[in-house]
């Protein structure tokens, strides 16, 4: 089922991402696209490869509106200001 997630960790900090969730407790997203780097050796631009990373899925009940939202969190990452970031990302609650 396609649903909205608020994503934390692996370069994300409360970003809204839409993903296909099958109920298994994890979801995969590509890392955010970073700025490339200039190569000292060649003097040219070096792009960064796209890589997928796995997040653990959590349900979060907002203390602001009481609705349930889906969070995708990197293992070991402790998100801060979750309710504020839910409002800021304009994510849809769990269907």
N, C-alpha and C. Protein backbone atom coordinates (compact mmCIF):
# COMPACT_ATOMS: atom_id res chain seq x y z
N UNK A 1 0.85 -1.17 0.00
CA UNK A 1 0.00 0.00 0.00
C UNK A 1 0.90 1.24 0.00
N UNK A 2 0.59 2.19 -0.84
CA UNK A 2 1.34 3.44 -0.91
C UNK A 2 0.83 4.36 0.19
N UNK A 3 1.80 4.89 0.98
CA UNK A 3 1.43 5.83 2.05
C UNK A 3 2.56 6.82 2.29
N UNK A 4 2.24 7.86 3.05
CA UNK A 4 3.21 8.89 3.40
C UNK A 4 3.98 8.50 4.64
N UNK A 5 5.27 8.85 4.64
CA UNK A 5 6.14 8.65 5.80
C UNK A 5 6.84 9.95 6.12
N UNK A 6 7.13 10.16 7.40
CA UNK A 6 8.04 11.21 7.82
C UNK A 6 9.35 10.49 8.11
N UNK A 7 10.42 10.87 7.40
CA UNK A 7 11.66 10.10 7.40
C UNK A 7 12.74 10.81 8.22
N UNK A 8 13.42 10.01 9.06
CA UNK A 8 14.50 10.51 9.92
C UNK A 8 15.73 9.62 9.77
N UNK A 9 16.88 10.23 9.63
CA UNK A 9 18.14 9.50 9.55
C UNK A 9 18.60 9.33 8.11
N UNK A 10 19.85 8.86 7.95
CA UNK A 10 20.45 8.67 6.62
C UNK A 10 20.35 9.94 5.78
N UNK A 11 20.49 11.12 6.42
CA UNK A 11 20.43 12.38 5.69
C UNK A 11 19.08 13.06 5.68
N UNK A 12 18.05 12.43 6.22
CA UNK A 12 16.72 13.02 6.31
C UNK A 12 16.45 13.51 7.73
N UNK A 13 15.68 14.56 7.85
CA UNK A 13 15.31 15.07 9.17
C UNK A 13 13.88 15.58 9.15
N UNK A 14 12.94 14.64 9.01
CA UNK A 14 11.52 15.00 9.01
C UNK A 14 10.97 15.26 7.63
N UNK A 15 11.60 14.69 6.62
CA UNK A 15 11.15 14.88 5.24
C UNK A 15 9.97 13.96 4.93
N UNK A 16 9.09 14.43 4.07
CA UNK A 16 7.95 13.63 3.62
C UNK A 16 8.39 12.79 2.43
N UNK A 17 8.16 11.49 2.52
CA UNK A 17 8.45 10.58 1.42
C UNK A 17 7.24 9.66 1.26
N UNK A 18 6.91 9.37 0.03
CA UNK A 18 5.83 8.42 -0.26
C UNK A 18 6.47 7.07 -0.58
N UNK A 19 5.97 6.02 0.06
CA UNK A 19 6.55 4.71 -0.17
C UNK A 19 5.52 3.60 -0.15
N UNK A 20 5.92 2.48 -0.69
CA UNK A 20 5.09 1.29 -0.71
C UNK A 20 5.40 0.49 0.55
N UNK A 21 4.41 0.34 1.42
CA UNK A 21 4.60 -0.35 2.70
C UNK A 21 3.76 -1.61 2.73
N UNK A 22 4.41 -2.74 3.00
CA UNK A 22 3.72 -4.02 2.99
C UNK A 22 3.43 -4.56 4.39
N UNK A 23 3.73 -3.77 5.43
CA UNK A 23 3.43 -4.18 6.79
C UNK A 23 4.52 -4.99 7.46
N UNK A 24 5.68 -5.14 6.84
CA UNK A 24 6.74 -5.97 7.39
C UNK A 24 7.64 -5.26 8.39
N UNK A 25 7.41 -3.97 8.64
CA UNK A 25 8.18 -3.25 9.66
C UNK A 25 9.35 -2.45 9.15
N UNK A 26 9.65 -2.54 7.84
CA UNK A 26 10.71 -1.73 7.26
C UNK A 26 10.26 -1.19 5.92
N UNK A 27 10.93 -0.13 5.51
CA UNK A 27 10.68 0.48 4.20
C UNK A 27 12.02 0.99 3.68
N UNK A 28 12.21 0.95 2.36
CA UNK A 28 13.45 1.40 1.74
C UNK A 28 13.22 2.69 0.96
N UNK A 29 14.18 3.61 1.11
CA UNK A 29 14.18 4.85 0.34
C UNK A 29 15.60 5.11 -0.15
N UNK A 30 15.71 5.85 -1.25
CA UNK A 30 17.03 6.30 -1.69
C UNK A 30 17.53 7.36 -0.73
N UNK A 31 18.85 7.38 -0.52
CA UNK A 31 19.45 8.47 0.26
C UNK A 31 19.15 9.78 -0.46
N UNK A 32 19.09 10.88 0.30
CA UNK A 32 18.89 12.17 -0.37
C UNK A 32 20.05 12.45 -1.32
N UNK A 33 19.76 13.11 -2.40
CA UNK A 33 20.81 13.45 -3.36
C UNK A 33 21.63 14.57 -2.78
N UNK A 34 22.91 14.30 -2.64
CA UNK A 34 23.82 15.30 -2.09
C UNK A 34 24.52 16.07 -3.20
N UNK A 35 25.25 17.04 -2.79
CA UNK A 35 26.02 17.83 -3.73
C UNK A 35 27.22 16.99 -4.16
N UNK A 36 27.54 17.01 -5.40
CA UNK A 36 28.71 16.29 -5.91
C UNK A 36 29.98 16.94 -5.40
N UNK A 37 31.08 16.36 -5.74
CA UNK A 37 32.36 16.88 -5.29
C UNK A 37 33.26 17.12 -6.49
N UNK A 38 34.18 18.04 -6.32
CA UNK A 38 35.18 18.26 -7.35
C UNK A 38 36.35 17.32 -7.08
N UNK A 39 36.80 16.67 -8.10
CA UNK A 39 37.94 15.76 -7.98
C UNK A 39 39.23 16.56 -8.05
N UNK A 40 40.08 16.37 -7.05
CA UNK A 40 41.37 17.06 -7.04
C UNK A 40 42.25 16.54 -8.18
N UNK A 41 42.17 15.25 -8.42
CA UNK A 41 43.03 14.65 -9.44
C UNK A 41 42.66 15.09 -10.85
N UNK A 42 41.38 15.03 -11.18
CA UNK A 42 40.99 15.34 -12.55
C UNK A 42 40.48 16.77 -12.72
N UNK A 43 40.14 17.41 -11.61
CA UNK A 43 39.59 18.76 -11.68
C UNK A 43 38.15 18.79 -12.14
N UNK A 44 37.53 17.61 -12.31
CA UNK A 44 36.15 17.53 -12.78
C UNK A 44 35.18 17.25 -11.66
N UNK A 45 33.91 17.25 -12.02
CA UNK A 45 32.83 17.01 -11.07
C UNK A 45 32.61 15.50 -10.92
N UNK A 46 32.47 15.05 -9.68
CA UNK A 46 32.22 13.63 -9.41
C UNK A 46 30.85 13.51 -8.75
N UNK A 47 29.92 12.83 -9.41
CA UNK A 47 28.59 12.66 -8.84
C UNK A 47 28.57 11.59 -7.76
N UNK A 48 27.53 11.58 -6.97
CA UNK A 48 27.37 10.57 -5.93
C UNK A 48 26.40 9.50 -6.41
N UNK A 49 26.71 8.23 -6.13
CA UNK A 49 25.81 7.16 -6.57
C UNK A 49 24.51 7.15 -5.76
N UNK A 50 23.42 6.74 -6.40
CA UNK A 50 22.16 6.56 -5.70
C UNK A 50 22.19 5.24 -4.96
N UNK A 51 21.91 5.28 -3.67
CA UNK A 51 21.87 4.05 -2.89
C UNK A 51 20.59 4.03 -2.06
N UNK A 52 20.00 2.86 -1.95
CA UNK A 52 18.81 2.69 -1.11
C UNK A 52 19.24 2.29 0.29
N UNK A 53 18.51 2.79 1.28
CA UNK A 53 18.77 2.43 2.67
C UNK A 53 17.45 2.00 3.31
N UNK A 54 17.55 1.18 4.34
CA UNK A 54 16.37 0.64 5.02
C UNK A 54 16.08 1.43 6.29
N UNK A 55 14.81 1.71 6.51
CA UNK A 55 14.34 2.41 7.71
C UNK A 55 13.35 1.50 8.44
N UNK A 56 13.33 1.61 9.75
CA UNK A 56 12.34 0.90 10.55
C UNK A 56 11.08 1.76 10.63
N UNK A 57 9.93 1.14 10.47
CA UNK A 57 8.65 1.86 10.47
C UNK A 57 8.08 1.90 11.88
N UNK A 58 7.62 3.09 12.28
CA UNK A 58 6.97 3.30 13.58
C UNK A 58 5.68 4.07 13.35
N UNK A 59 4.69 3.78 14.16
CA UNK A 59 3.47 4.58 14.16
C UNK A 59 3.58 5.60 15.28
N UNK A 60 3.19 6.82 15.01
CA UNK A 60 3.30 7.90 15.99
C UNK A 60 1.95 8.61 16.10
N UNK A 61 1.45 8.70 17.32
CA UNK A 61 0.20 9.44 17.55
C UNK A 61 0.56 10.88 17.90
N UNK A 62 0.09 11.79 17.08
CA UNK A 62 0.40 13.20 17.26
C UNK A 62 -0.25 13.74 18.54
N UNK A 63 0.53 14.46 19.31
CA UNK A 63 -0.03 15.11 20.50
C UNK A 63 -0.75 16.40 20.12
N UNK A 64 -0.66 16.80 18.87
CA UNK A 64 -1.32 18.02 18.40
C UNK A 64 -2.73 17.73 17.92
N UNK A 65 -2.91 16.71 17.07
CA UNK A 65 -4.25 16.44 16.53
C UNK A 65 -4.76 15.03 16.81
N UNK A 66 -3.96 14.19 17.46
CA UNK A 66 -4.39 12.85 17.84
C UNK A 66 -4.42 11.83 16.71
N UNK A 67 -3.98 12.21 15.51
CA UNK A 67 -3.96 11.29 14.38
C UNK A 67 -2.67 10.46 14.39
N UNK A 68 -2.72 9.30 13.72
CA UNK A 68 -1.58 8.41 13.64
C UNK A 68 -0.82 8.68 12.35
N UNK A 69 0.51 8.85 12.48
CA UNK A 69 1.38 9.09 11.34
C UNK A 69 2.44 8.00 11.28
N UNK A 70 2.88 7.72 10.07
CA UNK A 70 3.91 6.70 9.86
C UNK A 70 5.27 7.37 9.81
N UNK A 71 6.18 6.88 10.65
CA UNK A 71 7.55 7.37 10.67
C UNK A 71 8.46 6.29 10.12
N UNK A 72 9.48 6.69 9.39
CA UNK A 72 10.54 5.79 8.92
C UNK A 72 11.83 6.31 9.54
N UNK A 73 12.44 5.50 10.43
CA UNK A 73 13.57 5.97 11.22
C UNK A 73 14.76 5.04 11.05
N UNK A 74 15.93 5.63 10.82
CA UNK A 74 17.18 4.87 10.78
C UNK A 74 17.43 4.24 12.14
N UNK A 75 17.86 3.00 12.16
CA UNK A 75 18.17 2.33 13.43
C UNK A 75 19.20 3.15 14.20
N UNK A 76 18.91 3.42 15.47
CA UNK A 76 19.81 4.17 16.34
C UNK A 76 19.62 5.68 16.29
N UNK A 77 18.85 6.17 15.34
CA UNK A 77 18.61 7.62 15.22
C UNK A 77 17.47 7.99 16.16
N UNK A 78 17.65 9.09 16.89
CA UNK A 78 16.61 9.57 17.81
C UNK A 78 16.07 10.90 17.26
N UNK A 79 14.88 10.87 16.66
CA UNK A 79 14.33 12.10 16.09
C UNK A 79 13.87 13.07 17.18
N UNK A 80 13.95 14.35 16.86
CA UNK A 80 13.51 15.40 17.78
C UNK A 80 12.39 16.19 17.13
N UNK A 81 11.52 16.76 17.96
CA UNK A 81 10.43 17.63 17.50
C UNK A 81 9.57 16.95 16.43
N UNK A 82 9.19 15.70 16.70
CA UNK A 82 8.47 14.90 15.70
C UNK A 82 7.15 15.54 15.31
N UNK A 83 6.35 15.98 16.27
CA UNK A 83 5.04 16.57 15.93
C UNK A 83 5.20 17.84 15.09
N UNK A 84 6.18 18.66 15.42
CA UNK A 84 6.44 19.87 14.63
C UNK A 84 6.83 19.50 13.21
N UNK A 85 7.67 18.49 13.05
CA UNK A 85 8.13 18.09 11.72
C UNK A 85 7.00 17.44 10.91
N UNK A 86 6.08 16.78 11.59
CA UNK A 86 4.90 16.25 10.90
C UNK A 86 4.09 17.40 10.31
N UNK A 87 3.86 18.43 11.11
CA UNK A 87 3.10 19.59 10.61
C UNK A 87 3.84 20.27 9.46
N UNK A 88 5.13 20.42 9.60
CA UNK A 88 5.93 21.12 8.59
C UNK A 88 5.97 20.36 7.27
N UNK A 89 6.00 19.02 7.33
CA UNK A 89 6.11 18.21 6.12
C UNK A 89 4.77 18.06 5.39
N UNK A 90 3.68 18.41 6.07
CA UNK A 90 2.33 18.30 5.51
C UNK A 90 2.02 16.87 5.05
N UNK A 91 2.48 15.90 5.81
CA UNK A 91 2.27 14.50 5.52
C UNK A 91 0.82 14.09 5.85
N UNK A 92 0.30 13.14 5.10
CA UNK A 92 -1.04 12.62 5.39
C UNK A 92 -0.98 11.59 6.52
N UNK A 93 -1.98 11.53 7.37
CA UNK A 93 -1.99 10.51 8.43
C UNK A 93 -2.15 9.10 7.84
N UNK A 94 -1.91 8.13 8.68
CA UNK A 94 -2.05 6.73 8.25
C UNK A 94 -3.46 6.49 7.73
N UNK A 95 -3.58 5.78 6.61
CA UNK A 95 -4.93 5.52 6.06
C UNK A 95 -5.72 4.57 6.94
